[in-house]
Amino acid sequence: QVLLVESGGGLVQPGGSLRLSCVLSGDIFTHFGMGWFRQAPGKEREFVAALSWDGRRTKYEESVKGRSTISRDNSKNTMYLQMNGLKAEDTAVYYCAADKVTPYVAANESSWYGYWGQGTQVTVSS
């Protein structure tokens, strides 16, 4: 079955950077559009960024646009999220997700994703 494993989270000071990674196993990586979502304590899960199977289409949530870059390396079955200029409000558990139904779009709706990772904690604090 499809398995998604995130890594790269941690504690970072405001203004700092992190690169999250998500490795997919159990299926052909290029069959999937991929996305990042996050959930802060007491809040609903929200969309962060997404990209199509070939990386040509991307989409970002407004608050991270210009500070974050989503990418993928299909030879390594891995998706990345580079986050710069981190703010306290970026603190959340970050989840990667895989969409096999519409891999040619960068989907921003969580309902489009059929597979989810376990999450990695990102904490932005001084």
Foldseek 3Di string as FASTA:
>chain_A
DKAKAKDWADEAAAQAKIKMKIAIDDDQLLLWKKFKWWDDPPGDIFGAKTAASVRPEIDGDPVQPPQWDWDADSVRRMIMIIGGRDDQVVWTWMKMFIANPCRGYGDGDPVRTDDIHPTDTHGYHD
